């Protein structure tokens, strides 16, 4: 059967839900942490030892400004998730887009993780582990309370699904 909206098999349709809007601030903070440190080092080295490095710093500053604006917008456009009574779906990535689906009959563990920046922005990541060689399905940038509810729900659904899908 085909999904009339996407003209693809129902099992391959894009996940329906967006991540929490606060993720854009989280992603901006991540970019800033990764990009500003090397910029400061380049400026200091340029001022103290090698003036030509200031040209590199100017280029890096321009790249930083572009990344601070572009990365959160692109990631917001790509990241999606969905958890049904039968499977968990995620789409994520920045340079390489990744679509993942995990049938609940294959779920081994369901976890919630929160790094320091995620805690600051009230976000969490749900990690659904299966026996897949591709690794776990990760749904990042969810509201922390929503992530907790999802972990509880998926755990109960996976426990109830006693079929052996191996």
Protein backbone atom coordinates (compact mmCIF):
# COMPACT_ATOMS: atom_id res chain seq x y z
CA UNK A 1 0.00 0.00 0.00
CA UNK A 2 1.30 3.48 -0.80
CA UNK A 3 1.14 6.61 1.28
CA UNK A 4 -0.62 9.17 -0.92
CA UNK A 5 1.32 12.07 0.56
CA UNK A 6 4.82 10.71 -0.07
CA UNK A 7 4.14 8.00 -2.70
CA UNK A 8 6.33 5.55 -0.81
CA UNK A 9 5.61 2.34 1.07
CA UNK A 10 4.10 3.11 4.47
CA UNK A 11 7.05 1.58 6.31
CA UNK A 12 9.47 3.99 4.62
CA UNK A 13 7.58 7.22 5.09
CA UNK A 14 9.30 10.07 6.90
CA UNK A 15 8.76 10.31 10.66
CA UNK A 16 5.96 12.76 11.44
CA UNK A 17 7.17 14.69 14.52
CA UNK A 18 9.59 17.57 14.76
CA UNK A 19 12.03 17.73 17.64
CA UNK A 20 11.60 20.36 20.36
CA UNK A 21 12.09 23.94 19.09
CA UNK A 22 14.60 24.62 21.88
CA UNK A 23 17.00 22.35 20.01
CA UNK A 24 17.93 25.26 17.73
CA UNK A 25 19.47 27.04 20.72
CA UNK A 26 21.18 23.79 21.78
CA UNK A 27 22.64 23.30 18.31
CA UNK A 28 23.76 26.94 18.18
CA UNK A 29 25.56 26.49 21.51
CA UNK A 30 27.25 23.34 20.18
CA UNK A 31 28.48 25.17 17.09
CA UNK A 32 29.73 28.04 19.22
CA UNK A 33 31.65 25.70 21.50
CA UNK A 34 33.28 23.88 18.58
CA UNK A 35 34.05 26.95 16.47
CA UNK A 36 34.86 29.75 18.93
CA UNK A 37 37.68 27.91 20.74
CA UNK A 38 39.87 27.52 17.64
CA UNK A 39 39.05 31.11 16.67
CA UNK A 40 40.36 32.43 19.98
CA UNK A 41 43.52 30.30 19.65
CA UNK A 42 44.10 31.59 16.10
CA UNK A 43 43.67 35.22 17.17
CA UNK A 44 46.04 34.84 20.13
CA UNK A 45 48.67 33.08 18.00
CA UNK A 46 48.25 35.72 15.32
CA UNK A 47 48.70 38.57 17.75
CA UNK A 48 51.58 37.00 19.67
CA UNK A 49 53.60 34.89 17.24
CA UNK A 50 52.49 34.70 13.64
CA UNK A 51 50.60 37.70 12.20
CA UNK A 52 49.66 35.75 9.06
CA UNK A 53 47.46 33.52 11.21
CA UNK A 54 45.13 36.49 11.63
CA UNK A 55 44.07 35.90 8.01
CA UNK A 56 43.15 32.35 8.95
CA UNK A 57 41.27 33.72 11.95
CA UNK A 58 39.26 36.08 9.73
CA UNK A 59 38.28 33.17 7.50
CA UNK A 60 37.42 31.04 10.51
CA UNK A 61 35.33 33.88 11.96
CA UNK A 62 33.34 34.09 8.72
CA UNK A 63 32.82 30.31 8.74
CA UNK A 64 31.74 30.50 12.38
CA UNK A 65 29.16 33.18 11.61
CA UNK A 66 27.73 31.14 8.74
CA UNK A 67 27.68 27.94 10.83
CA UNK A 68 25.94 29.67 13.75
CA UNK A 69 23.09 30.63 11.42
CA UNK A 70 22.99 27.69 9.00
CA UNK A 71 23.60 24.59 11.15
CA UNK A 72 20.56 24.96 13.46
CA UNK A 73 18.28 25.74 10.50
CA UNK A 74 19.46 22.78 8.43
CA UNK A 75 19.28 20.37 11.35
CA UNK A 76 15.78 21.65 12.21
CA UNK A 77 14.70 20.96 8.64
CA UNK A 78 16.03 17.38 8.74
CA UNK A 79 15.45 16.02 12.26
CA UNK A 80 12.20 14.11 12.74
CA UNK A 81 10.99 11.26 14.92
CA UNK A 82 7.99 9.05 15.53
CA UNK A 83 7.16 6.28 17.98
CA UNK A 84 4.18 4.07 17.15
CA UNK A 85 2.85 0.97 18.85
CA UNK A 86 4.97 -1.16 16.52
CA UNK A 87 8.17 0.77 15.73
CA UNK A 88 10.41 3.75 16.39
CA UNK A 89 11.48 5.98 13.50
CA UNK A 90 14.10 8.71 13.34
CA UNK A 91 15.66 10.94 10.72
CA UNK A 92 18.72 12.97 11.61
CA UNK A 93 22.00 14.25 10.32
CA UNK A 94 23.70 17.35 9.06
CA UNK A 95 26.01 16.38 6.23
CA UNK A 96 24.82 12.77 6.02
CA UNK A 97 21.11 12.29 6.53
CA UNK A 98 20.19 9.07 8.31
CA UNK A 99 16.77 7.44 8.44
CA UNK A 100 16.32 4.65 10.98
CA UNK A 101 13.43 2.38 11.95
CA UNK A 102 13.37 -0.17 14.75
CA UNK A 103 10.48 -2.59 15.18
CA UNK A 104 9.54 -2.83 18.86
CA UNK A 105 9.80 -6.61 18.60
CA UNK A 106 13.58 -6.11 18.13
CA UNK A 107 14.12 -3.63 20.97
CA UNK A 108 16.61 -4.67 23.63
CA UNK A 109 16.87 -1.48 25.69
CA UNK A 110 15.31 1.98 25.81
CA UNK A 111 17.35 4.71 27.50
CA UNK A 112 17.22 8.44 28.10
CA UNK A 113 20.44 10.47 28.09
CA UNK A 114 21.07 14.16 28.84
CA UNK A 115 24.35 15.97 28.45
CA UNK A 116 25.13 19.24 30.24
CA UNK A 117 23.95 21.43 27.36
CA UNK A 118 20.80 19.37 26.91
CA UNK A 119 20.01 19.80 30.61
CA UNK A 120 20.50 23.55 30.29
CA UNK A 121 17.94 23.70 27.48
CA UNK A 122 15.54 21.16 29.04
CA UNK A 123 16.19 18.54 26.36
CA UNK A 124 17.00 14.83 26.30
CA UNK A 125 17.86 12.02 23.89
CA UNK A 126 16.03 8.69 23.69
CA UNK A 127 18.23 5.77 22.64
CA UNK A 128 16.50 2.61 21.41
CA UNK A 129 18.94 -0.30 21.17
CA UNK A 130 18.34 -3.34 18.99
CA UNK A 131 20.56 -6.16 17.81
CA UNK A 132 21.20 -4.23 14.60
CA UNK A 133 24.78 -3.92 13.45
CA UNK A 134 23.98 -0.31 12.50
CA UNK A 135 23.60 0.63 16.14
CA UNK A 136 20.86 2.22 18.16
CA UNK A 137 18.09 4.51 16.98
CA UNK A 138 18.68 7.90 18.60
CA UNK A 139 16.05 10.59 18.91
CA UNK A 140 17.81 13.73 20.08
CA UNK A 141 16.44 17.10 21.10
CA UNK A 142 13.21 16.01 22.75
CA UNK A 143 11.63 17.81 25.67
CA UNK A 144 13.00 16.05 28.77
CA UNK A 145 9.55 15.20 30.16
CA UNK A 146 8.39 13.95 26.76
CA UNK A 147 11.52 11.80 26.50
CA UNK A 148 10.82 10.29 29.93
CA UNK A 149 7.26 9.46 28.91
CA UNK A 150 8.49 7.94 25.64
CA UNK A 151 11.02 5.74 27.42
CA UNK A 152 8.30 4.47 29.79
CA UNK A 153 5.84 3.85 26.94
CA UNK A 154 8.34 2.13 24.64
CA UNK A 155 9.62 -0.04 27.46
CA UNK A 156 6.09 -1.23 28.25
CA UNK A 157 5.30 -1.82 24.57
CA UNK A 158 8.54 -3.73 24.02
CA UNK A 159 7.87 -5.87 27.11
CA UNK A 160 4.37 -6.66 25.87
CA UNK A 161 5.69 -7.66 22.45
CA UNK A 162 6.88 -11.16 23.22
CA UNK A 163 7.40 -12.17 19.58
CA UNK A 164 10.93 -13.22 18.70
CA UNK A 165 11.90 -11.15 15.68
CA UNK A 166 15.42 -12.50 15.39
